[in-house]
Protein backbone atom coordinates (compact mmCIF):
# COMPACT_ATOMS: atom_id res chain seq x y z
CA MET A 1 106.80 197.63 125.36
CA LYS A 2 103.14 198.21 125.72
CA THR A 3 101.01 194.26 124.99
CA CYS A 4 98.82 196.09 122.78
CA ALA A 5 101.66 197.43 120.78
CA GLN A 6 102.80 193.56 120.31
CA ALA A 7 101.68 191.03 117.48
CA PRO A 8 98.95 190.44 116.63
CA CYS A 9 97.91 193.79 118.16
CA THR A 10 99.21 196.72 115.55
CA GLY A 11 98.42 199.49 117.56
CA CYS A 12 97.68 200.96 121.07
CA SER A 13 94.08 202.96 121.84
CA SER A 14 96.33 205.62 123.52
CA PRO A 15 100.15 205.24 122.53
CA SER A 16 101.35 207.79 125.20
CA GLY A 17 100.71 207.09 128.69
CA ASP A 18 100.34 203.91 130.69
CA ASP A 19 97.09 202.66 128.87
CA ASP A 20 97.82 199.54 127.20
CA THR A 21 94.12 198.60 125.33
CA CYS A 22 94.83 197.36 121.99
CA ALA A 23 93.16 199.41 119.37
CA THR A 24 94.13 197.30 116.06
CA CYS A 25 94.83 193.67 115.05
CA SER A 26 97.35 192.43 112.08
CA ASP A 27 95.77 189.53 109.30
CA PRO A 28 94.76 187.38 109.48
CA TYR A 29 93.54 188.34 113.67
CA VAL A 30 90.12 190.08 114.04
CA PHE A 31 90.13 192.58 116.43
CA GLU A 32 87.03 192.29 118.80
CA ALA A 33 86.17 195.25 120.34
CA SER A 34 84.09 193.74 123.61
CA THR A 35 87.44 192.86 124.55
CA SER A 36 89.95 195.00 122.71
CA GLN A 37 91.86 191.99 122.01
CA CYS A 38 92.84 189.86 119.05
CA THR A 39 90.74 186.95 119.20
CA GLY A 40 89.44 186.34 116.13
CA CYS A 41 90.14 184.83 112.59
CA ILE A 42 89.92 186.30 109.31
CA ALA A 43 88.12 183.79 106.21
CA GLY A 44 90.72 181.15 105.37
CA TYR A 45 91.89 180.59 109.24
CA LYS A 46 91.05 178.79 112.27
CA LYS A 47 92.65 179.28 115.76
CA ASP A 48 95.17 176.86 116.97
CA GLY A 49 95.54 177.51 120.85
CA THR A 50 95.70 181.81 120.58
CA THR A 51 97.38 181.41 117.59
CA CYS A 52 95.49 181.85 114.03
CA VAL A 53 96.27 179.31 111.58
CA GLU A 54 95.46 178.95 107.77
CA LYS A 55 92.83 175.91 106.74
CA GLY A 56 94.74 172.90 104.63
CA CYS A 57 93.12 170.74 102.80
CA SER A 58 92.97 166.95 104.60
CA VAL A 59 92.05 165.81 100.74
CA GLU A 60 95.01 163.48 99.73
CA ASN A 61 96.53 164.71 96.83
CA CYS A 62 94.72 168.04 97.50
CA GLN A 63 96.00 171.30 95.59
CA THR A 64 93.43 173.45 96.65
CA CYS A 65 90.13 173.26 98.77
CA VAL A 66 87.22 175.47 98.26
CA PHE A 67 87.97 178.45 100.42
CA ASP A 68 87.36 178.33 103.97
CA THR A 69 87.17 174.15 104.38
CA GLU A 70 89.38 172.00 104.65
CA ASP A 71 87.40 168.67 103.28
CA GLN A 72 86.02 170.40 100.08
CA CYS A 73 88.74 169.90 97.16
CA LYS A 74 88.77 172.46 94.14
CA THR A 75 92.03 171.34 92.42
CA CYS A 76 93.88 168.27 92.58
CA LYS A 77 97.90 168.23 92.24
CA ASP A 78 99.42 167.77 88.62
CA ASN A 79 99.14 164.34 87.48
CA TYR A 80 95.58 163.97 89.72
CA LYS A 81 92.45 164.43 88.55
CA LEU A 82 89.13 165.24 90.83
CA GLU A 83 86.24 162.10 90.46
CA GLY A 84 83.86 163.89 93.42
CA THR A 85 85.45 164.48 96.42
CA THR A 86 88.38 162.37 95.72
CA CYS A 87 91.65 163.01 93.91
CA THR A 88 92.95 159.70 92.32
CA MET A 89 96.21 159.55 89.87
CA LYS A 90 95.83 159.77 85.73
CA THR A 91 96.46 156.91 84.33
CA CYS A 92 98.69 159.32 81.96
CA ALA A 93 100.82 159.33 85.09
CA GLN A 94 101.23 155.47 85.52
CA ALA A 95 103.74 153.54 84.55
CA PRO A 96 104.57 152.54 82.07
CA CYS A 97 103.73 156.16 81.61
CA THR A 98 105.82 158.65 82.63
CA GLY A 99 104.13 162.10 81.05
CA CYS A 100 100.88 163.57 80.66
CA SER A 101 100.12 166.18 77.83
CA SER A 102 98.34 168.40 80.35
CA PRO A 103 99.85 167.82 84.39
CA SER A 104 97.10 169.55 85.61
CA GLY A 105 93.20 169.37 85.18
CA ASP A 106 91.22 166.55 84.25
CA ASP A 107 93.09 165.61 81.06
CA ASP A 108 94.36 162.21 81.05
CA THR A 109 96.32 161.50 77.84
CA CYS A 110 100.07 159.94 77.66
CA ALA A 111 102.83 161.87 76.05
CA THR A 112 105.41 159.95 77.10
CA CYS A 113 106.78 156.21 77.91
CA SER A 114 109.51 154.43 80.02
CA ASP A 115 111.90 152.15 78.61
CA PRO A 116 111.43 149.27 77.05
CA TYR A 117 108.13 150.59 76.04
CA VAL A 118 107.47 152.40 72.97
CA PHE A 119 104.80 155.66 72.71
CA GLU A 120 102.04 154.99 70.08
CA ALA A 121 100.99 158.32 68.70
CA SER A 122 98.27 156.72 67.17
CA THR A 123 97.09 155.57 70.14
CA SER A 124 98.31 157.89 73.07
CA GLN A 125 99.55 154.68 74.61
CA CYS A 126 102.62 152.75 75.93
CA THR A 127 101.67 149.61 73.31
CA GLY A 128 104.60 148.83 71.40
CA CYS A 129 108.64 147.24 72.92
CA ILE A 130 111.97 148.70 71.79
CA ALA A 131 114.23 146.25 70.11
CA GLY A 132 115.35 143.41 72.48
CA TYR A 133 111.84 142.83 73.92
CA LYS A 134 108.64 141.56 73.40
CA LYS A 135 105.21 141.77 75.03
CA ASP A 136 104.08 139.03 77.53
CA GLY A 137 100.63 140.34 77.41
CA THR A 138 100.37 144.44 78.51
CA THR A 139 104.07 144.12 79.85
CA CYS A 140 107.21 144.40 77.93
CA VAL A 141 109.81 141.77 78.85
CA GLU A 142 113.42 141.17 77.76
CA LYS A 143 114.17 138.47 75.29
CA GLY A 144 115.57 135.33 76.76
CA CYS A 145 118.61 133.26 75.38
CA SER A 146 116.20 129.63 74.92
CA ALA A 147 119.16 127.80 73.54
CA GLU A 148 120.46 125.85 76.49
CA ASN A 149 123.18 127.03 78.69
CA CYS A 150 123.39 130.24 76.42
CA GLN A 151 124.76 133.37 77.87
CA THR A 152 123.56 136.01 75.24
CA CYS A 153 122.00 135.09 71.88
CA VAL A 154 122.29 137.65 68.69
CA PHE A 155 120.45 140.79 69.74
CA ASP A 156 116.59 140.83 69.42
CA THR A 157 116.60 136.90 69.30
CA GLU A 158 115.95 134.28 71.57
CA ASP A 159 117.31 130.90 69.53
CA GLN A 160 120.48 132.16 68.20
CA CYS A 161 123.04 131.95 70.62
CA LYS A 162 126.07 134.54 70.57
CA THR A 163 128.61 133.77 73.68
CA CYS A 164 127.55 130.20 75.68
CA LYS A 165 127.99 130.64 79.86
CA ASP A 166 131.24 129.68 81.25
CA ASN A 167 132.53 125.80 80.80
CA TYR A 168 130.44 125.34 77.69
CA LYS A 169 131.83 126.42 74.07
CA LEU A 170 129.73 127.28 70.93
CA GLU A 171 129.53 124.55 68.57
CA GLY A 172 127.12 124.92 65.57
CA THR A 173 124.05 126.70 67.59
CA THR A 174 124.41 123.93 71.04
CA CYS A 175 126.61 125.01 73.61
CA THR A 176 128.19 121.96 74.34
CA MET A 177 130.09 121.46 78.13
CA LYS A 178 133.77 121.59 77.52
CA THR A 179 135.79 118.37 78.45
CA CYS A 180 138.04 120.39 81.15
CA ALA A 181 135.05 121.10 82.76
CA GLN A 182 133.82 117.42 83.26
CA ALA A 183 135.33 115.31 85.93
CA PRO A 184 137.72 114.47 86.68
CA CYS A 185 138.79 117.63 85.61
CA THR A 186 137.20 120.41 87.88
CA GLY A 187 138.70 123.53 86.18
CA CYS A 188 139.28 125.20 82.83
CA SER A 189 142.26 127.76 81.84
CA SER A 190 139.70 129.63 80.34
CA PRO A 191 136.38 129.22 81.15
CA SER A 192 135.14 131.65 78.69
CA GLY A 193 135.58 131.24 75.17
CA ASP A 194 136.22 128.10 73.12
CA ASP A 195 139.43 127.34 75.03
CA ASP A 196 139.06 123.28 76.58
CA THR A 197 142.11 123.11 78.39
CA CYS A 198 141.72 121.36 81.85
CA ALA A 199 144.06 123.31 84.64
CA THR A 200 143.08 121.23 87.76
CA CYS A 201 142.15 117.54 88.39
CA SER A 202 139.49 116.31 91.67
CA ASP A 203 141.04 113.28 93.37
CA PRO A 204 142.47 110.77 93.65
CA TYR A 205 143.10 112.38 89.97
CA VAL A 206 146.78 113.69 89.78
CA PHE A 207 146.81 116.66 86.90
CA GLU A 208 149.83 115.81 83.95
CA ALA A 209 150.90 119.71 83.28
CA SER A 210 152.47 117.84 80.19
CA THR A 211 149.91 116.61 78.74
CA SER A 212 147.02 118.86 80.98
CA GLN A 213 144.71 116.08 81.59
CA CYS A 214 143.98 114.18 84.93
CA THR A 215 145.95 110.68 84.08
CA GLY A 216 147.77 109.77 86.76
CA CYS A 217 146.47 108.71 90.61
CA ILE A 218 147.54 110.06 94.07
CA ALA A 219 149.06 107.19 96.38
CA GLY A 220 147.04 104.32 97.31
CA TYR A 221 145.14 104.18 94.13
CA LYS A 222 145.70 102.73 90.59
CA LYS A 223 144.42 103.07 87.63
CA ASP A 224 141.59 100.86 86.11
CA GLY A 225 141.16 101.51 82.50
CA THR A 226 141.37 105.57 82.67
CA THR A 227 139.59 105.68 86.24
CA CYS A 228 141.16 105.80 89.73
CA VAL A 229 140.10 103.08 92.03
CA GLU A 230 141.34 102.69 95.69
CA LYS A 231 143.99 100.31 96.01
CA GLY A 232 141.90 97.34 97.97
CA CYS A 233 143.79 93.92 100.03
CA SER A 234 143.72 90.75 98.26
CA VAL A 235 144.53 89.23 101.17
CA GLU A 236 141.93 87.45 102.84
CA ASN A 237 140.22 88.17 105.54
CA CYS A 238 142.62 91.15 105.71
CA GLN A 239 141.29 94.39 107.63
CA THR A 240 144.33 97.22 105.90
CA CYS A 241 147.11 96.56 103.82
CA VAL A 242 150.04 98.50 104.29
CA PHE A 243 149.67 101.68 102.76
CA ASP A 244 149.67 101.77 99.02
CA THR A 245 150.23 98.02 98.58
CA GLU A 246 147.43 95.20 97.88
CA ASP A 247 148.75 92.04 99.18
CA GLN A 248 150.77 93.16 102.82
CA CYS A 249 148.36 92.81 105.24
CA LYS A 250 148.68 94.98 107.96
CA THR A 251 146.11 94.20 110.26
CA CYS A 252 143.29 91.46 110.30
CA LYS A 253 139.70 91.68 110.55
CA ASP A 254 137.65 90.58 114.21
CA ASN A 255 138.13 86.87 114.92
CA TYR A 256 141.49 87.12 112.63
CA LYS A 257 145.37 86.66 113.42
CA LEU A 258 148.41 87.99 111.48
CA GLU A 259 150.36 84.82 110.65
CA GLY A 260 153.03 86.36 108.38
CA THR A 261 151.66 87.49 105.00
CA THR A 262 147.90 85.47 106.38
CA CYS A 263 145.33 85.63 108.18
CA THR A 264 143.93 82.83 110.08
CA MET A 265 140.88 82.63 111.96
CA LYS A 266 141.21 82.52 115.68
CA THR A 267 140.69 79.28 117.58
CA CYS A 268 138.23 81.07 120.09
CA ALA A 269 136.39 82.08 116.65
CA GLN A 270 135.75 78.54 116.27
CA ALA A 271 133.14 76.19 117.56
CA PRO A 272 132.16 75.05 119.97
CA CYS A 273 134.26 78.43 121.24
CA THR A 274 131.37 81.48 120.43
CA GLY A 275 133.56 84.64 121.39
CA CYS A 276 136.99 86.15 122.25
CA SER A 277 138.19 88.25 124.65
CA SER A 278 139.54 90.40 122.43
CA PRO A 279 138.31 90.20 118.35
CA SER A 280 140.67 92.16 117.42
CA GLY A 281 144.91 91.85 117.85
CA ASP A 282 146.21 88.45 118.23
CA ASP A 283 144.68 87.14 121.33
CA ASP A 284 143.26 84.05 121.05
CA THR A 285 141.45 83.84 124.15
CA CYS A 286 138.19 82.42 124.08
CA ALA A 287 135.42 83.89 126.35
CA THR A 288 131.89 82.17 125.78
CA CYS A 289 130.96 78.63 124.29
CA SER A 290 127.92 77.20 122.97
CA ASP A 291 125.49 74.43 123.74
CA PRO A 292 125.96 72.29 124.87
CA TYR A 293 129.65 72.71 125.68
CA VAL A 294 130.30 74.38 129.21
CA PHE A 295 133.45 76.99 129.05
CA GLU A 296 135.98 76.46 131.81
CA ALA A 297 137.38 79.83 133.17
CA SER A 298 140.55 77.85 134.41
CA THR A 299 141.56 77.13 130.82
CA SER A 300 139.56 79.21 128.80
CA GLN A 301 138.40 76.52 126.81
CA CYS A 302 135.09 74.51 126.19
CA THR A 303 135.99 71.31 128.28
CA GLY A 304 133.02 70.40 129.86
CA CYS A 305 129.06 69.26 128.59
CA ILE A 306 125.88 70.25 130.00
CA ALA A 307 123.34 67.69 131.73
CA GLY A 308 121.98 65.37 129.72
CA TYR A 309 125.92 65.16 127.64
CA LYS A 310 128.92 63.34 127.88
CA LYS A 311 132.00 63.83 126.38
CA ASP A 312 132.96 61.89 123.26
CA GLY A 313 136.39 62.48 122.45
CA THR A 314 136.59 66.47 122.66
CA THR A 315 132.77 66.74 121.25
CA CYS A 316 129.78 66.79 123.43
CA VAL A 317 126.96 64.25 122.05
CA GLU A 318 123.68 63.91 123.89
CA LYS A 319 122.92 60.90 126.01
CA GLY A 320 121.19 57.89 124.76
CA CYS A 321 119.03 55.35 126.22
CA SER A 322 121.55 51.78 126.22
CA VAL A 323 118.37 49.64 127.52
CA GLU A 324 116.80 48.13 124.49
CA ASN A 325 113.27 48.94 123.57
CA CYS A 326 113.28 52.13 125.99
CA GLN A 327 112.29 55.39 124.50
CA THR A 328 113.37 57.36 126.85
CA CYS A 329 115.56 57.25 129.97
CA VAL A 330 115.96 59.44 133.42
CA PHE A 331 117.67 62.27 132.86
CA ASP A 332 121.55 62.40 132.86
CA THR A 333 120.93 58.88 132.59
CA GLU A 334 121.90 56.00 130.00
CA ASP A 335 120.70 52.79 131.88
CA GLN A 336 117.87 53.89 133.85
CA CYS A 337 114.43 53.75 131.86
CA LYS A 338 112.15 55.72 132.13
CA THR A 339 109.16 54.96 129.38
CA CYS A 340 109.31 51.96 126.62
CA LYS A 341 108.77 52.34 123.32
CA ASP A 342 105.11 51.60 122.03
CA ASN A 343 104.09 48.04 122.85
CA TYR A 344 106.29 47.19 125.13
CA LYS A 345 106.11 47.87 129.09
CA LEU A 346 108.30 48.55 131.79
CA GLU A 347 109.07 45.66 133.97
CA GLY A 348 111.66 46.80 136.49
CA THR A 349 115.11 47.97 134.45
CA THR A 350 113.53 46.33 131.14
CA CYS A 351 111.01 47.02 128.64
CA THR A 352 109.21 43.30 127.53
CA MET A 353 106.66 43.23 124.93
CA LYS A 354 103.27 43.15 125.61
CA THR A 355 101.36 40.15 124.84
CA CYS A 356 99.02 42.44 122.73
CA ALA A 357 101.56 43.43 120.72
CA GLN A 358 102.62 39.79 120.09
CA ALA A 359 101.12 36.98 117.70
CA PRO A 360 98.18 36.10 116.70
CA CYS A 361 97.43 39.73 118.54
CA THR A 362 98.42 42.46 115.78
CA GLY A 363 97.10 46.04 118.00
CA CYS A 364 97.11 47.31 121.25
CA SER A 365 94.41 49.05 122.54
CA SER A 366 96.66 51.75 124.12
CA PRO A 367 100.56 51.28 122.55
CA SER A 368 101.84 53.44 125.28
CA GLY A 369 102.06 53.02 128.58
CA ASP A 370 101.41 49.36 130.45
CA ASP A 371 98.01 48.69 129.38
CA ASP A 372 98.00 45.21 127.37
CA THR A 373 94.70 44.72 126.16
CA CYS A 374 94.40 43.31 122.79
CA ALA A 375 92.62 45.23 119.82
CA THR A 376 92.85 43.23 116.68
CA CYS A 377 93.67 39.86 115.31
CA SER A 378 95.62 38.75 112.62
CA ASP A 379 93.95 36.22 109.91
CA PRO A 380 92.61 33.52 110.28
CA TYR A 381 91.56 34.49 113.51
CA VAL A 382 88.53 36.79 115.03
CA PHE A 383 89.05 38.91 117.55
CA GLU A 384 86.42 38.77 120.54
CA ALA A 385 86.02 41.66 122.06
CA SER A 386 83.42 40.14 124.83
CA THR A 387 86.76 38.01 126.24
CA SER A 388 89.12 40.83 125.91
CA PRO A 389 91.80 40.06 127.02
CA VAL A 390 91.57 37.38 124.89
CA HIS A 391 91.44 33.82 126.14
CA TRP A 392 89.07 32.34 123.44
CA LEU A 393 89.76 33.19 120.15
CA TYR A 394 87.21 31.26 116.87
CA CYS A 395 88.78 30.59 113.88
CA ARG A 396 87.47 31.11 110.22
CA VAL A 397 85.55 28.14 110.13
CA GLN A 398 83.61 29.03 107.17
CA GLU A 399 87.00 28.94 105.15
CA GLY A 400 87.81 25.18 106.46
CA TRP A 401 89.03 26.36 110.12
CA HIS A 402 87.80 24.87 113.06
CA TYR A 403 88.91 25.20 116.58
CA LEU A 404 90.99 22.86 118.45
CA ARG A 405 91.26 22.88 122.44
CA GLY A 406 94.39 22.02 123.96
CA GLU A 407 92.92 20.43 127.44
CA GLY A 408 91.43 18.20 124.93
CA LEU A 409 94.95 17.01 123.81
CA LEU A 410 97.26 14.84 125.54
CA GLY A 411 96.45 15.91 129.24
CA GLY A 412 96.26 19.89 128.28
CA GLU A 413 99.58 19.74 127.43
CA LEU A 414 99.56 21.38 123.80
CA PRO A 415 97.77 25.12 123.17
CA ASP A 416 94.84 26.03 121.99
CA LEU A 417 95.04 25.43 118.09
CA CYS A 418 93.02 26.37 114.79
CA VAL A 419 93.41 23.35 112.58
CA ARG A 420 92.70 22.62 109.10
CA HIS A 421 91.96 19.16 107.73
CA GLY A 422 93.22 18.42 111.03
CA ARG A 423 96.88 19.87 110.49
CA PRO A 424 97.55 22.48 113.39
CA MET A 425 98.33 25.96 112.24
CA GLN A 426 99.41 28.88 114.40
CA ASP A 427 99.49 28.77 118.42
CA LEU A 428 97.20 30.62 120.21
CA GLN A 429 98.16 31.55 123.70
CA GLY A 430 101.15 33.02 123.27
C-alpha cells in the first residue's frame, strides 16, 4: 500500500501508477501543500510527536476550557463553580450536605443532608440533628450516657441508664459493680444482666461450688477473718517451715542452726567471732574475729589477743599501767612507765610527786613533764616570783603572822616557819 493511502493521508494525487503523493488528510490533520503531507492540526488540537491530539483542560475540576486553550476554564464539573480561573467545590457538595439543587452551574443551594444531620428547608442548610444526636457547635454528635459504667441509655437521653456494662448491675439509676466482679472473685457466671453469681476465684482463694463463693484457701494459706493469708513460721529465727505448717521449722536463718525444733545461734556468730565459714546450714566454724581478738587458724577460734591486750580468763582486756601514778606505760608493757600523771615526774621507774605539788606550794607552772617550778601558794603563804623556785617565803604579816627562819633555832635543826603569837603553824621547806 502506498504511503499516500495510509492514515492520516486519505487520498493519493495519482491513485494508479507509482506516484505516492498525498492529496488529502483526515481530521484533525491539515494538509500542507508545500510538503504534500499531513503535518498540521485543526483548531482544538496540538501536535504530540507526529500525532494530532485534542487539547485538554489543565485547570483542576474543569469540565470544558475556552476553545483552543488548555488553561482557560469555561465550565466546571458538577458540584463545582467557576471563581475567576479556578473551579471550587460548592458548599452544597460538602459534608454534611450531600446534594445540590443544581449540580451544574454556579447555584450553590443544598438539597439533601447525610445522617445524622437534618435538612432545614427554610434555610436550605443541614442545621438539625436526628433523634439520639445533639449539636456540639456546628457538628451533630451522638448523645452519650453520662451515667457512670452505663452501657446504653434510654433512647435520646444521656442520664437515664438502660443497661450497664459487663460486671455491673442497674440499681435504680446507678450501675454498681457486682459482688462476683470484686476480689477475690474474678469472674461472674453471667457478666451481663443482674445475675451476681461468682464463678471463679483468684489465688490463694478456693471456689466453693456449694456456695458459689471464695471461702476456702489453697495449701500454705489460712483464713484471717475473711482473708486468706500466707502461713508464716512462728519458730523464732526460722527461715522456712515445713510446707503448710507454722511451727515445724525446716531451715534456720543465716548464723542459726536447727537443734530439734529450735533455731539456736551458732557459736561462730557470737562475739568475739564475727563471721561463720558457712552462714547457712549446721556448720559452726568461726572464720573471723573482732578486735582485740586474734583468729587462730589451727583451732578456728578467737583465742589470741592483739598487742596491747592480754587474756583475762577467756576475755582480751587492755593492758594497764601497774606503776603508781603512771599516766602511760611503754606499749605492750604494764610495769615500764613512759609518762607520769600531772604533778609527778619520772625518776628511774618510779613516779614521784613534784615539790611544786607539795604544801605550801599549790600549783606547778608545768603540771606535766619533769619541770618542778612552783606557781602558786596556799594561805597564809605569799608566792615570791623573784625567788622561784621558792626558797624564801613571806608571811601575811598584816594578819599577825611573822617569818621565823629555821637556821636561828637550835643550830638550824628546825625548818623555816610562819608563826603567829610565837606558835609555828606550818613547815615551809617541804
